[in-house]
PDB file of N, CA and C in Angstrom:
ATOM      1  N   MET A   1       5.717  94.443 108.934  1.00  0.00           N
ATOM      2  CA  MET A   1       4.556  94.627 109.779  1.00  0.00           C
ATOM      3  C   MET A   1       3.961  93.277 110.183  1.00  0.00           C
ATOM      4  N   ARG A   2       4.346  92.226 109.490  1.00  0.00           N
ATOM      5  CA  ARG A   2       3.840  90.898 109.837  1.00  0.00           C
ATOM      6  C   ARG A   2       4.176  90.551 111.283  1.00  0.00           C
ATOM      7  N   ARG A   3       5.353  90.984 111.712  1.00  0.00           N
ATOM      8  CA  ARG A   3       5.793  90.719 113.086  1.00  0.00           C
ATOM      9  C   ARG A   3       4.856  91.383 114.101  1.00  0.00           C
ATOM     10  N   PHE A   4       4.303  92.534 113.748  1.00  0.00           N
ATOM     11  CA  PHE A   4       3.364  93.236 114.626  1.00  0.00           C
ATOM     12  C   PHE A   4       2.154  92.364 114.932  1.00  0.00           C
ATOM     13  N   VAL A   5       1.658  91.654 113.929  1.00  0.00           N
ATOM     14  CA  VAL A   5       0.506  90.779 114.130  1.00  0.00           C
ATOM     15  C   VAL A   5       0.852  89.702 115.152  1.00  0.00           C
ATOM     16  N   GLN A   6       2.009  89.093 114.999  1.00  0.00           N
ATOM     17  CA  GLN A   6       2.424  88.029 115.919  1.00  0.00           C
ATOM     18  C   GLN A   6       2.595  88.555 117.344  1.00  0.00           C
ATOM     19  N   VAL A   7       3.258  89.684 117.481  1.00  0.00           N
ATOM     20  CA  VAL A   7       3.549  90.226 118.808  1.00  0.00           C
ATOM     21  C   VAL A   7       2.272  90.687 119.506  1.00  0.00           C
ATOM     22  N   THR A   8       1.422  91.414 118.780  1.00  0.00           N
ATOM     23  CA  THR A   8       0.185  91.889 119.402  1.00  0.00           C
ATOM     24  C   THR A   8      -0.795  90.744 119.652  1.00  0.00           C
ATOM     25  N   LYS A   9      -0.744  89.708 118.842  1.00  0.00           N
ATOM     26  CA  LYS A   9      -1.596  88.530 119.074  1.00  0.00           C
ATOM     27  C   LYS A   9      -1.232  87.892 120.413  1.00  0.00           C
ATOM     28  N   ALA A  10       0.039  88.005 120.791  1.00  0.00           N
ATOM     29  CA  ALA A  10       0.494  87.485 122.081  1.00  0.00           C
ATOM     30  C   ALA A  10       0.167  88.442 123.227  1.00  0.00           C
ATOM     31  N   GLY A  11      -0.506  89.565 122.914  1.00  0.00           N
ATOM     32  CA  GLY A  11      -0.908  90.514 123.953  1.00  0.00           C
ATOM     33  C   GLY A  11       0.159  91.500 124.358  1.00  0.00           C
ATOM     34  N   LYS A  12       1.230  91.585 123.590  1.00  0.00           N
ATOM     35  CA  LYS A  12       2.335  92.493 123.909  1.00  0.00           C
ATOM     36  C   LYS A  12       2.101  93.867 123.293  1.00  0.00           C
ATOM     37  N   LYS A  13       2.533  94.900 123.997  1.00  0.00           N
ATOM     38  CA  LYS A  13       2.453  96.273 123.488  1.00  0.00           C
ATOM     39  C   LYS A  13       3.616  96.506 122.528  1.00  0.00           C
ATOM     40  N   VAL A  14       3.397  97.384 121.549  1.00  0.00           N
ATOM     41  CA  VAL A  14       4.403  97.605 120.513  1.00  0.00           C
ATOM     42  C   VAL A  14       4.617  99.092 120.232  1.00  0.00           C
ATOM     43  N   LEU A  15       5.803  99.391 119.718  1.00  0.00           N
ATOM     44  CA  LEU A  15       6.164 100.693 119.164  1.00  0.00           C
ATOM     45  C   LEU A  15       6.582 100.458 117.722  1.00  0.00           C
ATOM     46  N   LEU A  16       6.136 101.311 116.830  1.00  0.00           N
ATOM     47  CA  LEU A  16       6.471 101.168 115.417  1.00  0.00           C
ATOM     48  C   LEU A  16       7.708 101.996 115.083  1.00  0.00           C
ATOM     49  N   SER A  17       8.664 101.369 114.426  1.00  0.00           N
ATOM     50  CA  SER A  17       9.819 102.113 113.922  1.00  0.00           C
ATOM     51  C   SER A  17      10.158 101.703 112.498  1.00  0.00           C
ATOM     52  N   ALA A  18       9.586 100.616 112.019  1.00  0.00           N
ATOM     53  CA  ALA A  18       9.978 100.021 110.736  1.00  0.00           C
ATOM     54  C   ALA A  18       9.930 100.990 109.563  1.00  0.00           C
ATOM     55  N   CYS A  19       8.977 101.867 109.511  1.00  0.00           N
ATOM     56  CA  CYS A  19       8.895 102.775 108.356  1.00  0.00           C
ATOM     57  C   CYS A  19       9.543 104.128 108.640  1.00  0.00           C
ATOM     58  N   TRP A  20      10.232 104.260 109.750  1.00  0.00           N
ATOM     59  CA  TRP A  20      10.842 105.539 110.102  1.00  0.00           C
ATOM     60  C   TRP A  20      12.318 105.406 110.437  1.00  0.00           C
ATOM     61  N   TYR A  21      13.058 104.658 109.626  1.00  0.00           N
ATOM     62  CA  TYR A  21      14.505 104.583 109.784  1.00  0.00           C
ATOM     63  C   TYR A  21      15.110 105.738 108.998  1.00  0.00           C
ATOM     64  N   LEU A  22      15.685 106.689 109.691  1.00  0.00           N
ATOM     65  CA  LEU A  22      16.200 107.895 109.055  1.00  0.00           C
ATOM     66  C   LEU A  22      17.496 107.662 108.295  1.00  0.00           C
ATOM     67  N   ASP A  23      18.123 106.514 108.476  1.00  0.00           N
ATOM     68  CA  ASP A  23      19.349 106.230 107.741  1.00  0.00           C
ATOM     69  C   ASP A  23      19.070 105.616 106.383  1.00  0.00           C
ATOM     70  N   HIS A  24      17.813 105.321 106.061  1.00  0.00           N
ATOM     71  CA  HIS A  24      17.447 104.838 104.722  1.00  0.00           C
ATOM     72  C   HIS A  24      17.267 106.060 103.837  1.00  0.00           C
ATOM     73  N   LEU A  25      18.286 106.395 103.109  1.00  0.00           N
ATOM     74  CA  LEU A  25      18.306 107.638 102.345  1.00  0.00           C
ATOM     75  C   LEU A  25      17.842 107.439 100.912  1.00  0.00           C
ATOM     76  N   SER A  26      17.158 108.435 100.406  1.00  0.00           N
ATOM     77  CA  SER A  26      16.854 108.532  98.985  1.00  0.00           C
ATOM     78  C   SER A  26      16.887 110.011  98.644  1.00  0.00           C
ATOM     79  N   THR A  27      16.798 110.336  97.386  1.00  0.00           N
ATOM     80  CA  THR A  27      16.925 111.739  96.998  1.00  0.00           C
ATOM     81  C   THR A  27      15.598 112.467  97.108  1.00  0.00           C
ATOM     82  N   GLY A  28      15.694 113.785  97.174  1.00  0.00           N
ATOM     83  CA  GLY A  28      14.499 114.621  97.191  1.00  0.00           C
ATOM     84  C   GLY A  28      13.722 114.496  98.482  1.00  0.00           C
ATOM     85  N   GLY A  29      12.414 114.530  98.374  1.00  0.00           N
ATOM     86  CA  GLY A  29      11.547 114.515  99.541  1.00  0.00           C
ATOM     87  C   GLY A  29      11.317 113.121 100.085  1.00  0.00           C
ATOM     88  N   ASP A  30      12.364 112.507 100.636  1.00  0.00           N
ATOM     89  CA  ASP A  30      12.184 111.157 101.157  1.00  0.00           C
ATOM     90  C   ASP A  30      11.323 111.122 102.411  1.00  0.00           C
ATOM     91  N   TRP A  31      10.985 112.269 102.965  1.00  0.00           N
ATOM     92  CA  TRP A  31      10.079 112.337 104.100  1.00  0.00           C
ATOM     93  C   TRP A  31       8.669 111.897 103.698  1.00  0.00           C
ATOM     94  N   GLU A  32       8.333 112.014 102.396  1.00  0.00           N
ATOM     95  CA  GLU A  32       6.978 111.674 101.952  1.00  0.00           C
ATOM     96  C   GLU A  32       6.655 110.211 102.225  1.00  0.00           C
ATOM     97  N   LYS A  33       7.589 109.321 101.980  1.00  0.00           N
ATOM     98  CA  LYS A  33       7.357 107.898 102.214  1.00  0.00           C
ATOM     99  C   LYS A  33       7.069 107.645 103.693  1.00  0.00           C
ATOM    100  N   SER A  34       7.852 108.242 104.567  1.00  0.00           N
ATOM    101  CA  SER A  34       7.610 108.026 105.995  1.00  0.00           C
ATOM    102  C   SER A  34       6.327 108.703 106.452  1.00  0.00           C
ATOM    103  N   TYR A  35       5.953 109.797 105.792  1.00  0.00           N
ATOM    104  CA  TYR A  35       4.708 110.473 106.155  1.00  0.00           C
ATOM    105  C   TYR A  35       3.502 109.627 105.769  1.00  0.00           C
ATOM    106  N   GLN A  36       3.629 108.826 104.736  1.00  0.00           N
ATOM    107  CA  GLN A  36       2.512 108.018 104.269  1.00  0.00           C
ATOM    108  C   GLN A  36       2.381 106.685 105.007  1.00  0.00           C
ATOM    109  N   CYS A  37       3.268 106.401 105.934  1.00  0.00           N
ATOM    110  CA  CYS A  37       3.167 105.185 106.739  1.00  0.00           C
ATOM    111  C   CYS A  37       1.906 105.258 107.597  1.00  0.00           C
ATOM    112  N   LYS A  38       1.158 104.190 107.612  1.00  0.00           N
ATOM    113  CA  LYS A  38      -0.064 104.114 108.402  1.00  0.00           C
ATOM    114  C   LYS A  38       0.181 103.164 109.577  1.00  0.00           C
ATOM    115  N   PRO A  39       0.416 103.694 110.768  1.00  0.00           N
ATOM    116  CA  PRO A  39       0.797 102.857 111.909  1.00  0.00           C
ATOM    117  C   PRO A  39      -0.185 101.735 112.235  1.00  0.00           C
ATOM    118  N   THR A  40      -1.467 101.970 112.063  1.00  0.00           N
ATOM    119  CA  THR A  40      -2.448 100.951 112.438  1.00  0.00           C
ATOM    120  C   THR A  40      -2.753  99.962 111.325  1.00  0.00           C
ATOM    121  N   ASN A  41      -2.133 100.128 110.176  1.00  0.00           N
ATOM    122  CA  ASN A  41      -2.421  99.280 109.026  1.00  0.00           C
ATOM    123  C   ASN A  41      -1.483  98.068 108.986  1.00  0.00           C
ATOM    124  N   PHE A  42      -1.528  97.247 110.028  1.00  0.00           N
ATOM    125  CA  PHE A  42      -0.665  96.068 110.051  1.00  0.00           C
ATOM    126  C   PHE A  42      -1.464  94.771 110.030  1.00  0.00           C
ATOM    127  N   GLY A  43      -2.777  94.871 109.832  1.00  0.00           N
ATOM    128  CA  GLY A  43      -3.588  93.668 109.685  1.00  0.00           C
ATOM    129  C   GLY A  43      -4.076  93.068 110.984  1.00  0.00           C
ATOM    130  N   GLY A  44      -3.979  93.816 112.063  1.00  0.00           N
ATOM    131  CA  GLY A  44      -4.428  93.306 113.350  1.00  0.00           C
ATOM    132  C   GLY A  44      -5.888  93.626 113.625  1.00  0.00           C
ATOM    133  N   THR A  45      -6.435  92.963 114.623  1.00  0.00           N
ATOM    134  CA  THR A  45      -7.798  93.228 115.068  1.00  0.00           C
ATOM    135  C   THR A  45      -7.822  94.556 115.822  1.00  0.00           C
ATOM    136  N   PRO A  46      -9.000  95.110 116.094  1.00  0.00           N
ATOM    137  CA  PRO A  46      -9.051  96.341 116.909  1.00  0.00           C
ATOM    138  C   PRO A  46      -8.349  96.180 118.264  1.00  0.00           C
ATOM    139  N   GLU A  47      -8.444  95.004 118.859  1.00  0.00           N
ATOM    140  CA  GLU A  47      -7.765  94.762 120.138  1.00  0.00           C
ATOM    141  C   GLU A  47      -6.245  94.811 119.959  1.00  0.00           C
ATOM    142  N   GLN A  48      -5.771  94.252 118.850  1.00  0.00           N
ATOM    143  CA  GLN A  48      -4.331  94.280 118.584  1.00  0.00           C
ATOM    144  C   GLN A  48      -3.867  95.707 118.294  1.00  0.00           C
ATOM    145  N   VAL A  49      -4.649  96.449 117.530  1.00  0.00           N
ATOM    146  CA  VAL A  49      -4.290  97.836 117.217  1.00  0.00           C
ATOM    147  C   VAL A  49      -4.207  98.662 118.501  1.00  0.00           C
ATOM    148  N   SER A  50      -5.046  98.354 119.484  1.00  0.00           N
ATOM    149  CA  SER A  50      -5.019  99.111 120.746  1.00  0.00           C
ATOM    150  C   SER A  50      -3.707  98.908 121.505  1.00  0.00           C
ATOM    151  N   LEU A  51      -2.933  97.884 121.157  1.00  0.00           N
ATOM    152  CA  LEU A  51      -1.649  97.632 121.803  1.00  0.00           C
ATOM    153  C   LEU A  51      -0.517  98.457 121.194  1.00  0.00           C
ATOM    154  N   LEU A  52      -0.802  99.193 120.122  1.00  0.00           N
ATOM    155  CA  LEU A  52       0.194 100.082 119.512  1.00  0.00           C
ATOM    156  C   LEU A  52       0.308 101.333 120.371  1.00  0.00           C
ATOM    157  N   LEU A  53       1.436 101.507 121.024  1.00  0.00           N
ATOM    158  CA  LEU A  53       1.643 102.641 121.919  1.00  0.00           C
ATOM    159  C   LEU A  53       2.075 103.905 121.185  1.00  0.00           C
ATOM    160  N   GLY A  54       2.707 103.750 120.046  1.00  0.00           N
ATOM    161  CA  GLY A  54       3.230 104.888 119.301  1.00  0.00           C
ATOM    162  C   GLY A  54       4.358 104.437 118.408  1.00  0.00           C
ATOM    163  N   GLY A  55       5.317 105.315 118.210  1.00  0.00           N
ATOM    164  CA  GLY A  55       6.414 104.971 117.330  1.00  0.00           C
ATOM    165  C   GLY A  55       7.650 105.784 117.620  1.00  0.00           C
ATOM    166  N   GLU A  56       8.668 105.540 116.823  1.00  0.00           N
ATOM    167  CA  GLU A  56       9.923 106.262 116.976  1.00  0.00           C
ATOM    168  C   GLU A  56      10.623 106.354 115.633  1.00  0.00           C
ATOM    169  N   ALA A  57      11.357 107.428 115.453  1.00  0.00           N
ATOM    170  CA  ALA A  57      12.213 107.582 114.282  1.00  0.00           C
ATOM    171  C   ALA A  57      13.626 107.194 114.717  1.00  0.00           C
ATOM    172  N   CYS A  58      14.256 106.304 113.968  1.00  0.00           N
ATOM    173  CA  CYS A  58      15.575 105.777 114.346  1.00  0.00           C
ATOM    174  C   CYS A  58      16.659 106.284 113.410  1.00  0.00           C
ATOM    175  N   MET A  59      17.753 106.739 113.966  1.00  0.00           N
ATOM    176  CA  MET A  59      18.905 107.166 113.179  1.00  0.00           C
ATOM    177  C   MET A  59      20.088 106.316 113.591  1.00  0.00           C
ATOM    178  N   TRP A  60      20.497 105.414 112.710  1.00  0.00           N
ATOM    179  CA  TRP A  60      21.627 104.553 113.006  1.00  0.00           C
ATOM    180  C   TRP A  60      22.919 105.292 112.672  1.00  0.00           C
ATOM    181  N   SER A  61      23.973 104.985 113.373  1.00  0.00           N
ATOM    182  CA  SER A  61      25.176 105.819 113.310  1.00  0.00           C
ATOM    183  C   SER A  61      26.222 105.408 112.290  1.00  0.00           C
ATOM    184  N   GLU A  62      26.011 104.331 111.538  1.00  0.00           N
ATOM    185  CA  GLU A  62      27.078 103.930 110.626  1.00  0.00           C
ATOM    186  C   GLU A  62      27.241 104.846 109.415  1.00  0.00           C
ATOM    187  N   VAL A  63      26.291 105.760 109.163  1.00  0.00           N
ATOM    188  CA  VAL A  63      26.409 106.670 108.020  1.00  0.00           C
ATOM    189  C   VAL A  63      26.437 108.142 108.432  1.00  0.00           C
ATOM    190  N   VAL A  64      26.662 108.404 109.711  1.00  0.00           N
ATOM    191  CA  VAL A  64      26.692 109.788 110.181  1.00  0.00           C
ATOM    192  C   VAL A  64      27.898 110.017 111.084  1.00  0.00           C
ATOM    193  N   ASN A  65      28.207 111.294 111.248  1.00  0.00           N
ATOM    194  CA  ASN A  65      29.232 111.692 112.203  1.00  0.00           C
ATOM    195  C   ASN A  65      28.828 113.054 112.766  1.00  0.00           C
ATOM    196  N   ASP A  66      29.716 113.683 113.493  1.00  0.00           N
ATOM    197  CA  ASP A  66      29.405 114.972 114.111  1.00  0.00           C
ATOM    198  C   ASP A  66      29.059 116.057 113.098  1.00  0.00           C
ATOM    199  N   TYR A  67      29.472 115.872 111.851  1.00  0.00           N
ATOM    200  CA  TYR A  67      29.285 116.912 110.846  1.00  0.00           C
ATOM    201  C   TYR A  67      27.972 116.795 110.068  1.00  0.00           C
ATOM    202  N   ASN A  68      27.304 115.645 110.099  1.00  0.00           N
ATOM    203  CA  ASN A  68      26.084 115.532 109.301  1.00  0.00           C
ATOM    204  C   ASN A  68      24.887 114.927 110.034  1.00  0.00           C
ATOM    205  N   VAL A  69      25.020 114.575 111.294  1.00  0.00           N
ATOM    206  CA  VAL A  69      23.925 113.895 111.982  1.00  0.00           C
ATOM    207  C   VAL A  69      22.673 114.769 112.096  1.00  0.00           C
ATOM    208  N   VAL A  70      22.838 116.032 112.427  1.00  0.00           N
ATOM    209  CA  VAL A  70      21.663 116.898 112.588  1.00  0.00           C
ATOM    210  C   VAL A  70      20.933 117.065 111.262  1.00  0.00           C
ATOM    211  N   GLN A  71      21.682 117.278 110.177  1.00  0.00           N
ATOM    212  CA  GLN A  71      21.059 117.447 108.866  1.00  0.00           C
ATOM    213  C   GLN A  71      20.366 116.170 108.395  1.00  0.00           C
ATOM    214  N   ARG A  72      20.885 115.013 108.759  1.00  0.00           N
ATOM    215  CA  ARG A  72      20.236 113.754 108.375  1.00  0.00           C
ATOM    216  C   ARG A  72      18.932 113.557 109.133  1.00  0.00           C
ATOM    217  N   ILE A  73      18.895 113.993 110.379  1.00  0.00           N
ATOM    218  CA  ILE A  73      17.701 113.805 111.199  1.00  0.00           C
ATOM    219  C   ILE A  73      16.627 114.830 110.853  1.00  0.00           C
ATOM    220  N   PHE A  74      17.041 116.080 110.691  1.00  0.00           N
ATOM    221  CA  PHE A  74      16.052 117.149 110.452  1.00  0.00           C
ATOM    222  C   PHE A  74      16.152 117.672 109.036  1.00  0.00           C
ATOM    223  N   PRO A  75      15.067 117.766 108.350  1.00  0.00           N
ATOM    224  CA  PRO A  75      13.669 117.737 108.776  1.00  0.00           C
ATOM    225  C   PRO A  75      13.011 116.365 108.674  1.00  0.00           C
ATOM    226  N   ARG A  76      13.751 115.320 108.337  1.00  0.00           N
ATOM    227  CA  ARG A  76      13.127 114.023 108.075  1.00  0.00           C
ATOM    228  C   ARG A  76      12.376 113.474 109.282  1.00  0.00           C
ATOM    229  N   ALA A  77      12.798 113.793 110.497  1.00  0.00           N
ATOM    230  CA  ALA A  77      12.101 113.301 111.689  1.00  0.00           C
ATOM    231  C   ALA A  77      10.779 114.017 111.927  1.00  0.00           C
ATOM    232  N   PHE A  78      10.580 115.146 111.270  1.00  0.00           N
ATOM    233  CA  PHE A  78       9.314 115.868 111.465  1.00  0.00           C
ATOM    234  C   PHE A  78       8.128 115.091 110.907  1.00  0.00           C
ATOM    235  N   ALA A  79       8.336 114.323 109.847  1.00  0.00           N
ATOM    236  CA  ALA A  79       7.222 113.577 109.240  1.00  0.00           C
ATOM    237  C   ALA A  79       6.661 112.527 110.204  1.00  0.00           C
ATOM    238  N   PRO A  80       7.489 111.638 110.778  1.00  0.00           N
ATOM    239  CA  PRO A  80       6.915 110.705 111.746  1.00  0.00           C
ATOM    240  C   PRO A  80       6.367 111.411 112.986  1.00  0.00           C
ATOM    241  N   ALA A  81       6.985 112.521 113.373  1.00  0.00           N
ATOM    242  CA  ALA A  81       6.468 113.248 114.539  1.00  0.00           C
ATOM    243  C   ALA A  81       5.045 113.729 114.278  1.00  0.00           C
ATOM    244  N   GLU A  82       4.816 114.331 113.122  1.00  0.00           N
ATOM    245  CA  GLU A  82       3.462 114.777 112.791  1.00  0.00           C
ATOM    246  C   GLU A  82       2.500 113.606 112.736  1.00  0.00           C
ATOM    247  N   LYS A  83       2.931 112.508 112.113  1.00  0.00           N
ATOM    248  CA  LYS A  83       2.062 111.330 112.021  1.00  0.00           C
ATOM    249  C   LYS A  83       1.695 110.820 113.407  1.00  0.00           C
ATOM    250  N   LEU A  84       2.657 110.753 114.308  1.00  0.00           N
ATOM    251  CA  LEU A  84       2.403 110.199 115.630  1.00  0.00           C
ATOM    252  C   LEU A  84       1.634 111.161 116.532  1.00  0.00           C
ATOM    253  N   TRP A  85       1.733 112.451 116.291  1.00  0.00           N
ATOM    254  CA  TRP A  85       0.982 113.409 117.097  1.00  0.00           C
ATOM    255  C   TRP A  85      -0.439 113.598 116.583  1.00  0.00           C
ATOM    256  N   SER A  86      -0.702 113.118 115.379  1.00  0.00           N
ATOM    257  CA  SER A  86      -2.031 113.227 114.788  1.00  0.00           C
ATOM    258  C   SER A  86      -2.802 111.941 115.054  1.00  0.00           C
ATOM    259  N   ALA A  87      -4.104 112.011 114.850  1.00  0.00           N
ATOM    260  CA  ALA A  87      -4.915 110.795 114.970  1.00  0.00           C
ATOM    261  C   ALA A  87      -4.449 109.798 113.920  1.00  0.00           C
ATOM    262  N   TYR A  88      -4.304 108.529 114.302  1.00  0.00           N
ATOM    263  CA  TYR A  88      -3.828 107.512 113.371  1.00  0.00           C
ATOM    264  C   TYR A  88      -4.724 107.395 112.148  1.00  0.00           C
ATOM    265  N   ASP A  89      -6.002 107.638 112.337  1.00  0.00           N
ATOM    266  CA  ASP A  89      -6.946 107.483 111.234  1.00  0.00           C
ATOM    267  C   ASP A  89      -7.333 108.821 110.607  1.00  0.00           C
ATOM    268  N   ALA A  90      -6.498 109.841 110.797  1.00  0.00           N
ATOM    269  CA  ALA A  90      -6.772 111.169 110.239  1.00  0.00           C
ATOM    270  C   ALA A  90      -6.812 111.100 108.713  1.00  0.00           C
ATOM    271  N   ALA A  91      -7.509 112.053 108.125  1.00  0.00           N
ATOM    272  CA  ALA A  91      -7.597 112.121 106.664  1.00  0.00           C
ATOM    273  C   ALA A  91      -6.200 112.280 106.070  1.00  0.00           C
ATOM    274  N   GLU A  92      -6.059 111.816 104.843  1.00  0.00           N
ATOM    275  CA  GLU A  92      -4.774 111.938 104.152  1.00  0.00           C
ATOM    276  C   GLU A  92      -4.404 113.414 104.033  1.00  0.00           C
ATOM    277  N   PRO A  93      -3.191 113.761 104.359  1.00  0.00           N
ATOM    278  CA  PRO A  93      -2.767 115.158 104.306  1.00  0.00           C
ATOM    279  C   PRO A  93      -2.480 115.612 102.876  1.00  0.00           C
ATOM    280  N   ASP A  94      -2.537 116.881 102.677  1.00  0.00           N
ATOM    281  CA  ASP A  94      -2.099 117.487 101.428  1.00  0.00           C
ATOM    282  C   ASP A  94      -0.575 117.587 101.523  1.00  0.00           C
ATOM    283  N   LEU A  95       0.139 116.757 100.773  1.00  0.00           N
ATOM    284  CA  LEU A  95       1.595 116.711 100.894  1.00  0.00           C
ATOM    285  C   LEU A  95       2.257 118.015 100.477  1.00  0.00           C
ATOM    286  N   ASP A  96       1.621 118.794  99.610  1.00  0.00           N
ATOM    287  CA  ASP A  96       2.174 120.111  99.266  1.00  0.00           C
ATOM    288  C   ASP A  96       2.146 121.029 100.491  1.00  0.00           C
ATOM    289  N   GLU A  97       1.073 120.944 101.270  1.00  0.00           N
ATOM    290  CA  GLU A  97       0.974 121.746 102.488  1.00  0.00           C
ATOM    291  C   GLU A  97       2.000 121.273 103.524  1.00  0.00           C
ATOM    292  N   VAL A  98       2.165 119.984 103.638  1.00  0.00           N
ATOM    293  CA  VAL A  98       3.179 119.441 104.554  1.00  0.00           C
ATOM    294  C   VAL A  98       4.558 119.930 104.134  1.00  0.00           C
ATOM    295  N   ALA A  99       4.850 119.890 102.842  1.00  0.00           N
ATOM    296  CA  ALA A  99       6.151 120.348 102.341  1.00  0.00           C
ATOM    297  C   ALA A  99       6.385 121.815 102.698  1.00  0.00           C
ATOM    298  N   ARG A 100       5.352 122.640 102.572  1.00  0.00           N
ATOM    299  CA  ARG A 100       5.497 124.057 102.936  1.00  0.00           C
ATOM    300  C   ARG A 100       5.802 124.209 104.426  1.00  0.00           C
ATOM    301  N   ARG A 101       5.126 123.424 105.270  1.00  0.00           N
ATOM    302  CA  ARG A 101       5.388 123.485 106.713  1.00  0.00           C
ATOM    303  C   ARG A 101       6.817 123.056 107.022  1.00  0.00           C
ATOM    304  N   LEU A 102       7.261 121.985 106.373  1.00  0.00           N
ATOM    305  CA  LEU A 102       8.617 121.504 106.621  1.00  0.00           C
ATOM    306  C   LEU A 102       9.654 122.519 106.171  1.00  0.00           C
ATOM    307  N   GLU A 103       9.440 123.124 105.000  1.00  0.00           N
ATOM    308  CA  GLU A 103      10.370 124.157 104.506  1.00  0.00           C
ATOM    309  C   GLU A 103      10.438 125.317 105.498  1.00  0.00           C
ATOM    310  N   GLU A 104       9.285 125.752 105.971  1.00  0.00           N
ATOM    311  CA  GLU A 104       9.243 126.875 106.916  1.00  0.00           C
ATOM    312  C   GLU A 104       9.963 126.516 108.215  1.00  0.00           C
ATOM    313  N   HIS A 105       9.750 125.301 108.681  1.00  0.00           N
ATOM    314  CA  HIS A 105      10.385 124.902 109.936  1.00  0.00           C
ATOM    315  C   HIS A 105      11.901 124.804 109.785  1.00  0.00           C
ATOM    316  N   VAL A 106      12.366 124.305 108.659  1.00  0.00           N
ATOM    317  CA  VAL A 106      13.809 124.241 108.422  1.00  0.00           C
ATOM    318  C   VAL A 106      14.389 125.654 108.379  1.00  0.00           C
ATOM    319  N   CYS A 107      13.675 126.578 107.791  1.00  0.00           N
ATOM    320  CA  CYS A 107      14.149 127.969 107.776  1.00  0.00           C
ATOM    321  C   CYS A 107      14.270 128.511 109.200  1.00  0.00           C
ATOM    322  N   ARG A 108      13.306 128.189 110.059  1.00  0.00           N
ATOM    323  CA  ARG A 108      13.388 128.630 111.460  1.00  0.00           C
ATOM    324  C   ARG A 108      14.594 127.991 112.143  1.00  0.00           C
ATOM    325  N   MET A 109      14.830 126.718 111.871  1.00  0.00           N
ATOM    326  CA  MET A 109      16.001 126.048 112.451  1.00  0.00           C
ATOM    327  C   MET A 109      17.284 126.726 111.994  1.00  0.00           C
ATOM    328  N   ASN A 110      17.401 126.925 110.669  1.00  0.00           N
ATOM    329  CA  ASN A 110      18.612 127.541 110.123  1.00  0.00           C
ATOM    330  C   ASN A 110      18.829 128.938 110.681  1.00  0.00           C
ATOM    331  N   ALA A 111      17.752 129.718 110.810  1.00  0.00           N
ATOM    332  CA  ALA A 111      17.864 131.074 111.364  1.00  0.00           C
ATOM    333  C   ALA A 111      18.342 131.032 112.813  1.00  0.00           C
ATOM    334  N   GLY A 112      18.032 129.945 113.511  1.00  0.00           N
ATOM    335  CA  GLY A 112      18.462 129.791 114.889  1.00  0.00           C
ATOM    336  C   GLY A 112      19.818 129.116 115.037  1.00  0.00           C
ATOM    337  N   GLY A 113      20.500 128.888 113.908  1.00  0.00           N
ATOM    338  CA  GLY A 113      21.834 128.292 113.953  1.00  0.00           C
ATOM    339  C   GLY A 113      21.844 126.775 113.987  1.00  0.00           C
ATOM    340  N   ILE A 114      20.697 126.145 113.754  1.00  0.00           N
ATOM    341  CA  ILE A 114      20.620 124.687 113.743  1.00  0.00           C
ATOM    342  C   ILE A 114      20.571 124.242 112.292  1.00  0.00           C
ATOM    343  N   PRO A 115      21.559 123.479 111.829  1.00  0.00           N
ATOM    344  CA  PRO A 115      21.572 123.081 110.430  1.00  0.00           C
ATOM    345  C   PRO A 115      20.512 122.022 110.131  1.00  0.00           C
ATOM    346  N   GLY A 116      19.735 122.266 109.109  1.00  0.00           N
ATOM    347  CA  GLY A 116      18.753 121.293 108.653  1.00  0.00           C
ATOM    348  C   GLY A 116      18.810 121.234 107.139  1.00  0.00           C
ATOM    349  N   GLN A 117      18.710 120.045 106.589  1.00  0.00           N
ATOM    350  CA  GLN A 117      18.766 119.949 105.130  1.00  0.00           C
ATOM    351  C   GLN A 117      17.414 120.313 104.540  1.00  0.00           C
ATOM    352  N   PRO A 118      17.389 120.821 103.315  1.00  0.00           N
ATOM    353  CA  PRO A 118      16.120 121.150 102.671  1.00  0.00           C
ATOM    354  C   PRO A 118      15.261 119.895 102.532  1.00  0.00           C
ATOM    355  N   PRO A 119      13.985 119.965 102.874  1.00  0.00           N
ATOM    356  CA  PRO A 119      13.145 118.773 102.835  1.00  0.00           C
ATOM    357  C   PRO A 119      12.706 118.326 101.444  1.00  0.00           C
ATOM    358  N   THR A 120      12.671 119.240 100.470  1.00  0.00           N
ATOM    359  CA  THR A 120      12.130 118.847  99.174  1.00  0.00           C
ATOM    360  C   THR A 120      13.113 118.970  98.033  1.00  0.00           C
ATOM    361  N   ALA A 121      13.862 120.010  97.974  1.00  0.00           N
ATOM    362  CA  ALA A 121      14.823 120.222  96.883  1.00  0.00           C
ATOM    363  C   ALA A 121      15.919 121.135  97.419  1.00  0.00           C
ATOM    364  N   ALA A 122      16.358 122.052  96.613  1.00  0.00           N
ATOM    365  CA  ALA A 122      17.433 122.950  97.063  1.00  0.00           C
ATOM    366  C   ALA A 122      16.974 123.817  98.225  1.00  0.00           C
ATOM    367  N   GLY A 123      15.699 124.196  98.226  1.00  0.00           N
ATOM    368  CA  GLY A 123      15.160 124.981  99.337  1.00  0.00           C
ATOM    369  C   GLY A 123      15.757 126.371  99.395  1.00  0.00           C
ATOM    370  N   PHE A 124      15.004 127.281  99.958  1.00  0.00           N
ATOM    371  CA  PHE A 124      15.511 128.636 100.211  1.00  0.00           C
ATOM    372  C   PHE A 124      14.670 129.251 101.306  1.00  0.00           C
ATOM    373  N   CYS A 125      15.278 130.134 102.049  1.00  0.00           N
ATOM    374  CA  CYS A 125      14.600 130.831 103.133  1.00  0.00           C
ATOM    375  C   CYS A 125      14.575 132.324 102.832  1.00  0.00           C
ATOM    376  N   LEU A 126      13.471 132.922 103.132  1.00  0.00           N
ATOM    377  CA  LEU A 126      13.339 134.375 102.932  1.00  0.00           C
ATOM    378  C   LEU A 126      13.790 135.114 104.161  1.00  0.00           C
TER     379      LEU A 126
END
């Protein structure tokens, strides 16, 4: 995030992706770390923060192929999407409630024939 200070100090607009690389894998609910990213918390002035246009979730291709790319992206991309669609300074979410929403959404995806990996553990759909 140090780079954000330098770039915005120069008056340039920015998009955040540093905390939303979907190819950085860990076990279990790795979406929690990306959900806790605070886009405006990079140490800039209010003027610099105003240059933050939004963000993006990035999926690099060296660890995916046609058989696992969708499962790697979903549901993990839902966490940055919620963060970016919400107010940057919104109250801290109840992560248990977020987990329930993600589980439900993955079930809807699976029911529609779109493969999504369980967001928290083994997961199950009713």
